[in-house]
Amino acid sequence: MTEVIAYAVVHTEPPSIFLAEDIEVLHRVLALEVVARTDPALLGADSESIRHALLEERWGDAVVRWIRSVGTGIDVYDGKSIYTSDDLPADLIGAQLQFTRLFGAAQPQLRSHG
């Protein structure tokens, strides 16, 4: 059965990727693992408002303020699928390929180059 997850890419060097079971958990992960672990000196005057948003569990507000303060982007994606071997059994993949668009279209004839 295909699982659905949420994930975020933090555009640091190298990028950091965080996975969670849903968007609500992902917001908490970003708050704890990214925002709260930032050196307050990097946040300057925003550190107090970010701290306040975290204490009030306003995860989105804290993340948005963090992004504005440090200038590092975060892309968040919700509802993405994780496929398992149950979804794509190895012994059936050949049969499944035959029903895809690429294999369903009329096959062009190969020309010989001779």
PDB file of N, CA and C in Angstrom:
ATOM      1  N   MET A   1       0.848  -1.187   0.000  1.00  0.00           N
ATOM      2  CA  MET A   1       0.000   0.000   0.000  1.00  0.00           C
ATOM      3  C   MET A   1       0.887   1.241   0.000  1.00  0.00           C
ATOM      4  N   THR A   2       0.602   2.174  -0.865  1.00  0.00           N
ATOM      5  CA  THR A   2       1.374   3.404  -0.976  1.00  0.00           C
ATOM      6  C   THR A   2       1.139   4.276   0.251  1.00  0.00           C
ATOM      7  N   GLU A   3       2.235   4.706   0.855  1.00  0.00           N
ATOM      8  CA  GLU A   3       2.180   5.612   1.997  1.00  0.00           C
ATOM      9  C   GLU A   3       2.288   7.048   1.483  1.00  0.00           C
ATOM     10  N   VAL A   4       1.676   7.978   2.202  1.00  0.00           N
ATOM     11  CA  VAL A   4       1.757   9.390   1.843  1.00  0.00           C
ATOM     12  C   VAL A   4       2.524  10.100   2.953  1.00  0.00           C
ATOM     13  N   ILE A   5       3.459  10.947   2.553  1.00  0.00           N
ATOM     14  CA  ILE A   5       4.289  11.670   3.515  1.00  0.00           C
ATOM     15  C   ILE A   5       4.340  13.150   3.174  1.00  0.00           C
ATOM     16  N   ALA A   6       4.947  13.890   4.078  1.00  0.00           N
ATOM     17  CA  ALA A   6       5.285  15.293   3.828  1.00  0.00           C
ATOM     18  C   ALA A   6       6.802  15.392   3.972  1.00  0.00           C
ATOM     19  N   TYR A   7       7.407  16.295   3.207  1.00  0.00           N
ATOM     20  CA  TYR A   7       8.850  16.472   3.357  1.00  0.00           C
ATOM     21  C   TYR A   7       9.238  17.912   3.078  1.00  0.00           C
ATOM     22  N   ALA A   8      10.415  18.255   3.581  1.00  0.00           N
ATOM     23  CA  ALA A   8      10.938  19.612   3.389  1.00  0.00           C
ATOM     24  C   ALA A   8      12.391  19.530   2.974  1.00  0.00           C
ATOM     25  N   VAL A   9      12.783  20.471   2.129  1.00  0.00           N
ATOM     26  CA  VAL A   9      14.172  20.623   1.725  1.00  0.00           C
ATOM     27  C   VAL A   9      14.627  21.991   2.229  1.00  0.00           C
ATOM     28  N   VAL A  10      15.630  21.967   3.105  1.00  0.00           N
ATOM     29  CA  VAL A  10      16.218  23.200   3.631  1.00  0.00           C
ATOM     30  C   VAL A  10      17.435  23.482   2.765  1.00  0.00           C
ATOM     31  N   HIS A  11      17.461  24.642   2.149  1.00  0.00           N
ATOM     32  CA  HIS A  11      18.491  24.971   1.155  1.00  0.00           C
ATOM     33  C   HIS A  11      19.788  25.457   1.792  1.00  0.00           C
ATOM     34  N   THR A  12      20.361  24.589   2.625  1.00  0.00           N
ATOM     35  CA  THR A  12      21.689  24.820   3.170  1.00  0.00           C
ATOM     36  C   THR A  12      22.674  24.118   2.245  1.00  0.00           C
ATOM     37  N   GLU A  13      23.944  24.210   2.554  1.00  0.00           N
ATOM     38  CA  GLU A  13      24.949  23.519   1.740  1.00  0.00           C
ATOM     39  C   GLU A  13      25.660  22.491   2.597  1.00  0.00           C
ATOM     40  N   PRO A  14      25.453  21.217   2.437  1.00  0.00           N
ATOM     41  CA  PRO A  14      24.529  20.584   1.497  1.00  0.00           C
ATOM     42  C   PRO A  14      23.086  20.725   1.990  1.00  0.00           C
ATOM     43  N   PRO A  15      22.118  20.552   1.099  1.00  0.00           N
ATOM     44  CA  PRO A  15      20.716  20.652   1.513  1.00  0.00           C
ATOM     45  C   PRO A  15      20.370  19.608   2.573  1.00  0.00           C
ATOM     46  N   SER A  16      19.455  19.965   3.448  1.00  0.00           N
ATOM     47  CA  SER A  16      18.942  19.036   4.457  1.00  0.00           C
ATOM     48  C   SER A  16      17.527  18.657   4.061  1.00  0.00           C
ATOM     49  N   ILE A  17      17.204  17.384   4.225  1.00  0.00           N
ATOM     50  CA  ILE A  17      15.869  16.887   3.884  1.00  0.00           C
ATOM     51  C   ILE A  17      15.250  16.286   5.127  1.00  0.00           C
ATOM     52  N   PHE A  18      13.997  16.636   5.388  1.00  0.00           N
ATOM     53  CA  PHE A  18      13.268  16.129   6.539  1.00  0.00           C
ATOM     54  C   PHE A  18      11.981  15.477   6.054  1.00  0.00           C
ATOM     55  N   LEU A  19      11.701  14.280   6.541  1.00  0.00           N
ATOM     56  CA  LEU A  19      10.501  13.528   6.190  1.00  0.00           C
ATOM     57  C   LEU A  19       9.620  13.376   7.418  1.00  0.00           C
ATOM     58  N   ALA A  20       8.304  13.409   7.209  1.00  0.00           N
ATOM     59  CA  ALA A  20       7.365  13.221   8.316  1.00  0.00           C
ATOM     60  C   ALA A  20       6.090  12.578   7.789  1.00  0.00           C
ATOM     61  N   GLU A  21       5.312  12.036   8.710  1.00  0.00           N
ATOM     62  CA  GLU A  21       4.104  11.327   8.306  1.00  0.00           C
ATOM     63  C   GLU A  21       3.009  12.262   7.799  1.00  0.00           C
ATOM     64  N   ASP A  22       3.040  13.523   8.193  1.00  0.00           N
ATOM     65  CA  ASP A  22       2.071  14.493   7.673  1.00  0.00           C
ATOM     66  C   ASP A  22       2.625  15.901   7.879  1.00  0.00           C
ATOM     67  N   ILE A  23       1.908  16.878   7.368  1.00  0.00           N
ATOM     68  CA  ILE A  23       2.388  18.261   7.390  1.00  0.00           C
ATOM     69  C   ILE A  23       2.483  18.821   8.817  1.00  0.00           C
ATOM     70  N   GLU A  24       1.579  18.409   9.696  1.00  0.00           N
ATOM     71  CA  GLU A  24       1.618  18.902  11.070  1.00  0.00           C
ATOM     72  C   GLU A  24       2.892  18.434  11.778  1.00  0.00           C
ATOM     73  N   VAL A  25       3.233  17.172  11.602  1.00  0.00           N
ATOM     74  CA  VAL A  25       4.463  16.655  12.207  1.00  0.00           C
ATOM     75  C   VAL A  25       5.683  17.320  11.558  1.00  0.00           C
ATOM     76  N   LEU A  26       5.625  17.541  10.261  1.00  0.00           N
ATOM     77  CA  LEU A  26       6.741  18.188   9.564  1.00  0.00           C
ATOM     78  C   LEU A  26       6.995  19.584  10.118  1.00  0.00           C
ATOM     79  N   HIS A  27       5.943  20.331  10.396  1.00  0.00           N
ATOM     80  CA  HIS A  27       6.114  21.665  10.975  1.00  0.00           C
ATOM     81  C   HIS A  27       6.837  21.584  12.313  1.00  0.00           C
ATOM     82  N   ARG A  28       6.490  20.605  13.137  1.00  0.00           N
ATOM     83  CA  ARG A  28       7.157  20.445  14.431  1.00  0.00           C
ATOM     84  C   ARG A  28       8.620  20.040  14.250  1.00  0.00           C
ATOM     85  N   VAL A  29       8.870  19.167  13.267  1.00  0.00           N
ATOM     86  CA  VAL A  29      10.251  18.756  12.989  1.00  0.00           C
ATOM     87  C   VAL A  29      11.092  19.962  12.594  1.00  0.00           C
ATOM     88  N   LEU A  30      10.583  20.780  11.689  1.00  0.00           N
ATOM     89  CA  LEU A  30      11.328  21.972  11.262  1.00  0.00           C
ATOM     90  C   LEU A  30      11.556  22.924  12.428  1.00  0.00           C
ATOM     91  N   ALA A  31      10.541  23.080  13.275  1.00  0.00           N
ATOM     92  CA  ALA A  31      10.681  23.960  14.433  1.00  0.00           C
ATOM     93  C   ALA A  31      11.789  23.481  15.358  1.00  0.00           C
ATOM     94  N   LEU A  32      11.834  22.183  15.623  1.00  0.00           N
ATOM     95  CA  LEU A  32      12.825  21.647  16.549  1.00  0.00           C
ATOM     96  C   LEU A  32      14.195  21.457  15.910  1.00  0.00           C
ATOM     97  N   GLU A  33      14.233  20.851  14.750  1.00  0.00           N
ATOM     98  CA  GLU A  33      15.510  20.455  14.149  1.00  0.00           C
ATOM     99  C   GLU A  33      16.219  21.566  13.377  1.00  0.00           C
ATOM    100  N   VAL A  34      15.469  22.562  12.929  1.00  0.00           N
ATOM    101  CA  VAL A  34      16.086  23.640  12.150  1.00  0.00           C
ATOM    102  C   VAL A  34      16.064  24.952  12.933  1.00  0.00           C
ATOM    103  N   VAL A  35      14.872  25.417  13.246  1.00  0.00           N
ATOM    104  CA  VAL A  35      14.726  26.738  13.852  1.00  0.00           C
ATOM    105  C   VAL A  35      15.333  26.789  15.253  1.00  0.00           C
ATOM    106  N   ALA A  36      14.921  25.883  16.133  1.00  0.00           N
ATOM    107  CA  ALA A  36      15.351  25.947  17.534  1.00  0.00           C
ATOM    108  C   ALA A  36      16.835  25.650  17.712  1.00  0.00           C
ATOM    109  N   ARG A  37      17.465  25.013  16.740  1.00  0.00           N
ATOM    110  CA  ARG A  37      18.893  24.685  16.852  1.00  0.00           C
ATOM    111  C   ARG A  37      19.798  25.783  16.264  1.00  0.00           C
ATOM    112  N   THR A  38      19.211  26.882  15.848  1.00  0.00           N
ATOM    113  CA  THR A  38      19.976  27.986  15.271  1.00  0.00           C
ATOM    114  C   THR A  38      20.597  28.836  16.367  1.00  0.00           C
ATOM    115  N   ASP A  39      21.819  29.238  16.166  1.00  0.00           N
ATOM    116  CA  ASP A  39      22.509  30.135  17.088  1.00  0.00           C
ATOM    117  C   ASP A  39      21.739  31.458  17.124  1.00  0.00           C
ATOM    118  N   PRO A  40      21.301  31.906  18.304  1.00  0.00           N
ATOM    119  CA  PRO A  40      20.542  33.162  18.390  1.00  0.00           C
ATOM    120  C   PRO A  40      21.282  34.354  17.790  1.00  0.00           C
ATOM    121  N   ALA A  41      22.602  34.324  17.802  1.00  0.00           N
ATOM    122  CA  ALA A  41      23.377  35.430  17.231  1.00  0.00           C
ATOM    123  C   ALA A  41      23.100  35.574  15.739  1.00  0.00           C
ATOM    124  N   LEU A  42      22.787  34.468  15.062  1.00  0.00           N
ATOM    125  CA  LEU A  42      22.464  34.523  13.633  1.00  0.00           C
ATOM    126  C   LEU A  42      21.092  35.125  13.374  1.00  0.00           C
ATOM    127  N   LEU A  43      20.238  35.106  14.387  1.00  0.00           N
ATOM    128  CA  LEU A  43      18.868  35.596  14.223  1.00  0.00           C
ATOM    129  C   LEU A  43      18.726  37.065  14.574  1.00  0.00           C
ATOM    130  N   GLY A  44      19.701  37.598  15.290  1.00  0.00           N
ATOM    131  CA  GLY A  44      19.668  39.011  15.654  1.00  0.00           C
ATOM    132  C   GLY A  44      18.408  39.384  16.412  1.00  0.00           C
ATOM    133  N   ALA A  45      17.803  40.487  16.021  1.00  0.00           N
ATOM    134  CA  ALA A  45      16.621  41.013  16.698  1.00  0.00           C
ATOM    135  C   ALA A  45      15.419  40.090  16.574  1.00  0.00           C
ATOM    136  N   ASP A  46      15.422  39.172  15.613  1.00  0.00           N
ATOM    137  CA  ASP A  46      14.291  38.256  15.424  1.00  0.00           C
ATOM    138  C   ASP A  46      14.291  37.106  16.413  1.00  0.00           C
ATOM    139  N   SER A  47      15.382  36.891  17.132  1.00  0.00           N
ATOM    140  CA  SER A  47      15.465  35.712  18.005  1.00  0.00           C
ATOM    141  C   SER A  47      14.348  35.677  19.043  1.00  0.00           C
ATOM    142  N   GLU A  48      14.006  36.823  19.610  1.00  0.00           N
ATOM    143  CA  GLU A  48      12.961  36.839  20.643  1.00  0.00           C
ATOM    144  C   GLU A  48      11.588  36.520  20.062  1.00  0.00           C
ATOM    145  N   SER A  49      11.248  37.067  18.910  1.00  0.00           N
ATOM    146  CA  SER A  49       9.934  36.774  18.316  1.00  0.00           C
ATOM    147  C   SER A  49       9.858  35.318  17.852  1.00  0.00           C
ATOM    148  N   ILE A  50      10.969  34.759  17.390  1.00  0.00           N
ATOM    149  CA  ILE A  50      11.002  33.350  16.992  1.00  0.00           C
ATOM    150  C   ILE A  50      10.838  32.471  18.226  1.00  0.00           C
ATOM    151  N   ARG A  51      11.540  32.800  19.303  1.00  0.00           N
ATOM    152  CA  ARG A  51      11.394  32.064  20.559  1.00  0.00           C
ATOM    153  C   ARG A  51       9.950  32.088  21.029  1.00  0.00           C
ATOM    154  N   HIS A  52       9.343  33.248  20.973  1.00  0.00           N
ATOM    155  CA  HIS A  52       7.953  33.423  21.406  1.00  0.00           C
ATOM    156  C   HIS A  52       7.007  32.567  20.543  1.00  0.00           C
ATOM    157  N   ALA A  53       7.203  32.579  19.238  1.00  0.00           N
ATOM    158  CA  ALA A  53       6.348  31.770  18.346  1.00  0.00           C
ATOM    159  C   ALA A  53       6.503  30.282  18.655  1.00  0.00           C
ATOM    160  N   LEU A  54       7.727  29.838  18.927  1.00  0.00           N
ATOM    161  CA  LEU A  54       7.945  28.431  19.269  1.00  0.00           C
ATOM    162  C   LEU A  54       7.255  28.069  20.572  1.00  0.00           C
ATOM    163  N   LEU A  55       7.370  28.903  21.578  1.00  0.00           N
ATOM    164  CA  LEU A  55       6.741  28.621  22.866  1.00  0.00           C
ATOM    165  C   LEU A  55       5.222  28.583  22.767  1.00  0.00           C
ATOM    166  N   GLU A  56       4.659  29.348  21.827  1.00  0.00           N
ATOM    167  CA  GLU A  56       3.208  29.347  21.607  1.00  0.00           C
ATOM    168  C   GLU A  56       2.780  28.276  20.599  1.00  0.00           C
ATOM    169  N   GLU A  57       3.742  27.464  20.169  1.00  0.00           N
ATOM    170  CA  GLU A  57       3.496  26.383  19.205  1.00  0.00           C
ATOM    171  C   GLU A  57       2.932  26.886  17.878  1.00  0.00           C
ATOM    172  N   ARG A  58       3.360  28.052  17.491  1.00  0.00           N
ATOM    173  CA  ARG A  58       3.018  28.611  16.183  1.00  0.00           C
ATOM    174  C   ARG A  58       4.192  28.290  15.259  1.00  0.00           C
ATOM    175  N   TRP A  59       4.239  27.003  14.868  1.00  0.00           N
ATOM    176  CA  TRP A  59       5.382  26.484  14.123  1.00  0.00           C
ATOM    177  C   TRP A  59       5.605  27.212  12.801  1.00  0.00           C
ATOM    178  N   GLY A  60       4.546  27.424  12.061  1.00  0.00           N
ATOM    179  CA  GLY A  60       4.668  28.097  10.763  1.00  0.00           C
ATOM    180  C   GLY A  60       5.213  29.505  10.898  1.00  0.00           C
ATOM    181  N   ASP A  61       4.727  30.237  11.894  1.00  0.00           N
ATOM    182  CA  ASP A  61       5.228  31.599  12.123  1.00  0.00           C
ATOM    183  C   ASP A  61       6.719  31.581  12.439  1.00  0.00           C
ATOM    184  N   ALA A  62       7.127  30.631  13.270  1.00  0.00           N
ATOM    185  CA  ALA A  62       8.535  30.537  13.646  1.00  0.00           C
ATOM    186  C   ALA A  62       9.400  30.230  12.431  1.00  0.00           C
ATOM    187  N   VAL A  63       8.941  29.314  11.597  1.00  0.00           N
ATOM    188  CA  VAL A  63       9.720  28.938  10.407  1.00  0.00           C
ATOM    189  C   VAL A  63       9.807  30.102   9.428  1.00  0.00           C
ATOM    190  N   VAL A  64       8.703  30.801   9.210  1.00  0.00           N
ATOM    191  CA  VAL A  64       8.714  31.940   8.280  1.00  0.00           C
ATOM    192  C   VAL A  64       9.650  33.032   8.785  1.00  0.00           C
ATOM    193  N   ARG A  65       9.607  33.332  10.071  1.00  0.00           N
ATOM    194  CA  ARG A  65      10.511  34.354  10.633  1.00  0.00           C
ATOM    195  C   ARG A  65      11.965  33.910  10.515  1.00  0.00           C
ATOM    196  N   TRP A  66      12.199  32.608  10.738  1.00  0.00           N
ATOM    197  CA  TRP A  66      13.559  32.065  10.617  1.00  0.00           C
ATOM    198  C   TRP A  66      14.066  32.245   9.187  1.00  0.00           C
ATOM    199  N   ILE A  67      13.230  31.910   8.207  1.00  0.00           N
ATOM    200  CA  ILE A  67      13.615  32.044   6.796  1.00  0.00           C
ATOM    201  C   ILE A  67      13.977  33.498   6.492  1.00  0.00           C
ATOM    202  N   ARG A  68      13.138  34.419   6.934  1.00  0.00           N
ATOM    203  CA  ARG A  68      13.399  35.846   6.684  1.00  0.00           C
ATOM    204  C   ARG A  68      14.671  36.315   7.388  1.00  0.00           C
ATOM    205  N   SER A  69      14.903  35.789   8.572  1.00  0.00           N
ATOM    206  CA  SER A  69      16.047  36.227   9.368  1.00  0.00           C
ATOM    207  C   SER A  69      17.374  35.708   8.828  1.00  0.00           C
ATOM    208  N   VAL A  70      17.448  34.419   8.487  1.00  0.00           N
ATOM    209  CA  VAL A  70      18.728  33.857   8.045  1.00  0.00           C
ATOM    210  C   VAL A  70      18.877  33.832   6.530  1.00  0.00           C
ATOM    211  N   GLY A  71      17.766  34.009   5.804  1.00  0.00           N
ATOM    212  CA  GLY A  71      17.839  34.048   4.349  1.00  0.00           C
ATOM    213  C   GLY A  71      17.996  32.692   3.680  1.00  0.00           C
ATOM    214  N   THR A  72      17.693  31.629   4.402  1.00  0.00           N
ATOM    215  CA  THR A  72      17.772  30.276   3.846  1.00  0.00           C
ATOM    216  C   THR A  72      16.370  29.794   3.517  1.00  0.00           C
ATOM    217  N   GLY A  73      16.168  29.366   2.293  1.00  0.00           N
ATOM    218  CA  GLY A  73      14.856  28.913   1.877  1.00  0.00           C
ATOM    219  C   GLY A  73      14.546  27.503   2.341  1.00  0.00           C
ATOM    220  N   ILE A  74      13.263  27.243   2.523  1.00  0.00           N
ATOM    221  CA  ILE A  74      12.778  25.904   2.842  1.00  0.00           C
ATOM    222  C   ILE A  74      11.596  25.630   1.924  1.00  0.00           C
ATOM    223  N   ASP A  75      11.677  24.535   1.174  1.00  0.00           N
ATOM    224  CA  ASP A  75      10.555  24.084   0.351  1.00  0.00           C
ATOM    225  C   ASP A  75       9.842  22.971   1.095  1.00  0.00           C
ATOM    226  N   VAL A  76       8.524  23.082   1.219  1.00  0.00           N
ATOM    227  CA  VAL A  76       7.724  22.094   1.932  1.00  0.00           C
ATOM    228  C   VAL A  76       6.753  21.450   0.952  1.00  0.00           C
ATOM    229  N   TYR A  77       6.683  20.122   1.000  1.00  0.00           N
ATOM    230  CA  TYR A  77       5.813  19.356   0.112  1.00  0.00           C
ATOM    231  C   TYR A  77       4.944  18.440   0.950  1.00  0.00           C
ATOM    232  N   ASP A  78       3.683  18.369   0.609  1.00  0.00           N
ATOM    233  CA  ASP A  78       2.729  17.545   1.352  1.00  0.00           C
ATOM    234  C   ASP A  78       2.060  16.564   0.405  1.00  0.00           C
ATOM    235  N   GLY A  79       1.721  15.411   0.915  1.00  0.00           N
ATOM    236  CA  GLY A  79       0.962  14.448   0.138  1.00  0.00           C
ATOM    237  C   GLY A  79       1.754  13.727  -0.928  1.00  0.00           C
ATOM    238  N   LYS A  80       3.048  13.535  -0.705  1.00  0.00           N
ATOM    239  CA  LYS A  80       3.870  12.806  -1.672  1.00  0.00           C
ATOM    240  C   LYS A  80       3.847  11.325  -1.323  1.00  0.00           C
ATOM    241  N   SER A  81       3.956  10.491  -2.335  1.00  0.00           N
ATOM    242  CA  SER A  81       3.843   9.048  -2.149  1.00  0.00           C
ATOM    243  C   SER A  81       5.198   8.386  -1.944  1.00  0.00           C
ATOM    244  N   ILE A  82       5.200   7.382  -1.077  1.00  0.00           N
ATOM    245  CA  ILE A  82       6.335   6.484  -0.932  1.00  0.00           C
ATOM    246  C   ILE A  82       5.845   5.141  -1.446  1.00  0.00           C
ATOM    247  N   TYR A  83       6.524   4.640  -2.451  1.00  0.00           N
ATOM    248  CA  TYR A  83       6.132   3.357  -3.012  1.00  0.00           C
ATOM    249  C   TYR A  83       6.901   2.242  -2.325  1.00  0.00           C
ATOM    250  N   THR A  84       6.227   1.135  -2.115  1.00  0.00           N
ATOM    251  CA  THR A  84       6.846  -0.030  -1.498  1.00  0.00           C
ATOM    252  C   THR A  84       6.916  -1.160  -2.511  1.00  0.00           C
ATOM    253  N   SER A  85       7.588  -2.238  -2.139  1.00  0.00           N
ATOM    254  CA  SER A  85       7.659  -3.391  -3.044  1.00  0.00           C
ATOM    255  C   SER A  85       6.278  -4.008  -3.245  1.00  0.00           C
ATOM    256  N   ASP A  86       5.351  -3.794  -2.311  1.00  0.00           N
ATOM    257  CA  ASP A  86       3.977  -4.274  -2.506  1.00  0.00           C
ATOM    258  C   ASP A  86       3.289  -3.513  -3.639  1.00  0.00           C
ATOM    259  N   ASP A  87       3.644  -2.226  -3.820  1.00  0.00           N
ATOM    260  CA  ASP A  87       3.052  -1.418  -4.887  1.00  0.00           C
ATOM    261  C   ASP A  87       3.612  -1.795  -6.251  1.00  0.00           C
ATOM    262  N   LEU A  88       4.880  -2.169  -6.293  1.00  0.00           N
ATOM    263  CA  LEU A  88       5.565  -2.480  -7.545  1.00  0.00           C
ATOM    264  C   LEU A  88       6.318  -3.803  -7.417  1.00  0.00           C
ATOM    265  N   PRO A  89       5.575  -4.911  -7.391  1.00  0.00           N
ATOM    266  CA  PRO A  89       6.256  -6.200  -7.243  1.00  0.00           C
ATOM    267  C   PRO A  89       7.191  -6.469  -8.418  1.00  0.00           C
ATOM    268  N   ALA A  90       8.402  -6.924  -8.099  1.00  0.00           N
ATOM    269  CA  ALA A  90       9.423  -7.156  -9.121  1.00  0.00           C
ATOM    270  C   ALA A  90       8.952  -8.132 -10.196  1.00  0.00           C
ATOM    271  N   ASP A  91       8.165  -9.110  -9.819  1.00  0.00           N
ATOM    272  CA  ASP A  91       7.744 -10.112 -10.796  1.00  0.00           C
ATOM    273  C   ASP A  91       6.621  -9.619 -11.716  1.00  0.00           C
ATOM    274  N   LEU A  92       6.044  -8.456 -11.416  1.00  0.00           N
ATOM    275  CA  LEU A  92       4.968  -7.918 -12.264  1.00  0.00           C
ATOM    276  C   LEU A  92       5.340  -6.643 -13.010  1.00  0.00           C
ATOM    277  N   ILE A  93       6.528  -6.125 -12.776  1.00  0.00           N
ATOM    278  CA  ILE A  93       6.894  -4.833 -13.381  1.00  0.00           C
ATOM    279  C   ILE A  93       6.881  -4.894 -14.905  1.00  0.00           C
ATOM    280  N   GLY A  94       7.322  -5.993 -15.474  1.00  0.00           N
ATOM    281  CA  GLY A  94       7.303  -6.127 -16.933  1.00  0.00           C
ATOM    282  C   GLY A  94       5.895  -6.038 -17.489  1.00  0.00           C
ATOM    283  N   ALA A  95       4.953  -6.697 -16.838  1.00  0.00           N
ATOM    284  CA  ALA A  95       3.555  -6.640 -17.277  1.00  0.00           C
ATOM    285  C   ALA A  95       2.989  -5.233 -17.092  1.00  0.00           C
ATOM    286  N   GLN A  96       3.363  -4.568 -15.989  1.00  0.00           N
ATOM    287  CA  GLN A  96       2.860  -3.214 -15.740  1.00  0.00           C
ATOM    288  C   GLN A  96       3.395  -2.228 -16.771  1.00  0.00           C
ATOM    289  N   LEU A  97       4.628  -2.408 -17.205  1.00  0.00           N
ATOM    290  CA  LEU A  97       5.213  -1.514 -18.202  1.00  0.00           C
ATOM    291  C   LEU A  97       4.415  -1.526 -19.502  1.00  0.00           C
ATOM    292  N   GLN A  98       3.874  -2.665 -19.875  1.00  0.00           N
ATOM    293  CA  GLN A  98       3.137  -2.788 -21.135  1.00  0.00           C
ATOM    294  C   GLN A  98       1.908  -1.893 -21.181  1.00  0.00           C
ATOM    295  N   PHE A  99       1.408  -1.493 -20.018  1.00  0.00           N
ATOM    296  CA  PHE A  99       0.193  -0.682 -19.969  1.00  0.00           C
ATOM    297  C   PHE A  99       0.484   0.799 -19.733  1.00  0.00           C
ATOM    298  N   THR A 100       1.737   1.188 -19.844  1.00  0.00           N
ATOM    299  CA  THR A 100       2.085   2.602 -19.693  1.00  0.00           C
ATOM    300  C   THR A 100       1.977   3.318 -21.034  1.00  0.00           C
ATOM    301  N   ARG A 101       1.927   4.605 -20.986  1.00  0.00           N
ATOM    302  CA  ARG A 101       1.776   5.413 -22.205  1.00  0.00           C
ATOM    303  C   ARG A 101       2.895   5.162 -23.204  1.00  0.00           C
ATOM    304  N   LEU A 102       4.119   5.064 -22.715  1.00  0.00           N
ATOM    305  CA  LEU A 102       5.256   4.867 -23.600  1.00  0.00           C
ATOM    306  C   LEU A 102       5.135   3.574 -24.398  1.00  0.00           C
ATOM    307  N   PHE A 103       4.665   2.532 -23.757  1.00  0.00           N
ATOM    308  CA  PHE A 103       4.554   1.246 -24.435  1.00  0.00           C
ATOM    309  C   PHE A 103       3.209   1.063 -25.122  1.00  0.00           C
ATOM    310  N   GLY A 104       2.233   1.905 -24.807  1.00  0.00           N
ATOM    311  CA  GLY A 104       0.917   1.789 -25.421  1.00  0.00           C
ATOM    312  C   GLY A 104       0.819   2.482 -26.765  1.00  0.00           C
ATOM    313  N   ALA A 105       1.697   3.443 -27.007  1.00  0.00           N
ATOM    314  CA  ALA A 105       1.684   4.177 -28.275  1.00  0.00           C
ATOM    315  C   ALA A 105       2.192   3.274 -29.388  1.00  0.00           C
ATOM    316  N   ALA A 106       1.801   3.611 -30.593  1.00  0.00           N
ATOM    317  CA  ALA A 106       2.296   2.854 -31.746  1.00  0.00           C
ATOM    318  C   ALA A 106       3.817   2.968 -31.775  1.00  0.00           C
ATOM    319  N   GLN A 107       4.470   1.840 -31.884  1.00  0.00           N
ATOM    320  CA  GLN A 107       5.926   1.817 -31.888  1.00  0.00           C
ATOM    321  C   GLN A 107       6.442   2.204 -33.270  1.00  0.00           C
ATOM    322  N   PRO A 108       7.312   3.220 -33.361  1.00  0.00           N
ATOM    323  CA  PRO A 108       7.869   3.585 -34.668  1.00  0.00           C
ATOM    324  C   PRO A 108       8.792   2.463 -35.154  1.00  0.00           C
ATOM    325  N   GLN A 109       8.838   2.321 -36.444  1.00  0.00           N
ATOM    326  CA  GLN A 109       9.710   1.316 -37.025  1.00  0.00           C
ATOM    327  C   GLN A 109      11.147   1.810 -36.976  1.00  0.00           C
ATOM    328  N   LEU A 110      12.045   0.951 -36.573  1.00  0.00           N
ATOM    329  CA  LEU A 110      13.458   1.318 -36.544  1.00  0.00           C
ATOM    330  C   LEU A 110      13.995   1.290 -37.957  1.00  0.00           C
ATOM    331  N   ARG A 111      14.731   2.288 -38.317  1.00  0.00           N
ATOM    332  CA  ARG A 111      15.344   2.323 -39.652  1.00  0.00           C
ATOM    333  C   ARG A 111      16.737   1.758 -39.566  1.00  0.00           C
ATOM    334  N   SER A 112      17.085   1.017 -40.566  1.00  0.00           N
ATOM    335  CA  SER A 112      18.451   0.513 -40.591  1.00  0.00           C
ATOM    336  C   SER A 112      19.332   1.567 -41.256  1.00  0.00           C
ATOM    337  N   HIS A 113      20.493   1.731 -40.695  1.00  0.00           N
ATOM    338  CA  HIS A 113      21.439   2.712 -41.219  1.00  0.00           C
ATOM    339  C   HIS A 113      22.544   1.951 -41.936  1.00  0.00           C
ATOM    340  N   GLY A 114      22.359   1.645 -43.147  1.00  0.00           N
ATOM    341  CA  GLY A 114      23.368   0.837 -43.792  1.00  0.00           C
ATOM    342  C   GLY A 114      23.682   1.258 -45.114  1.00  0.00           C
TER     343      GLY A 114
END
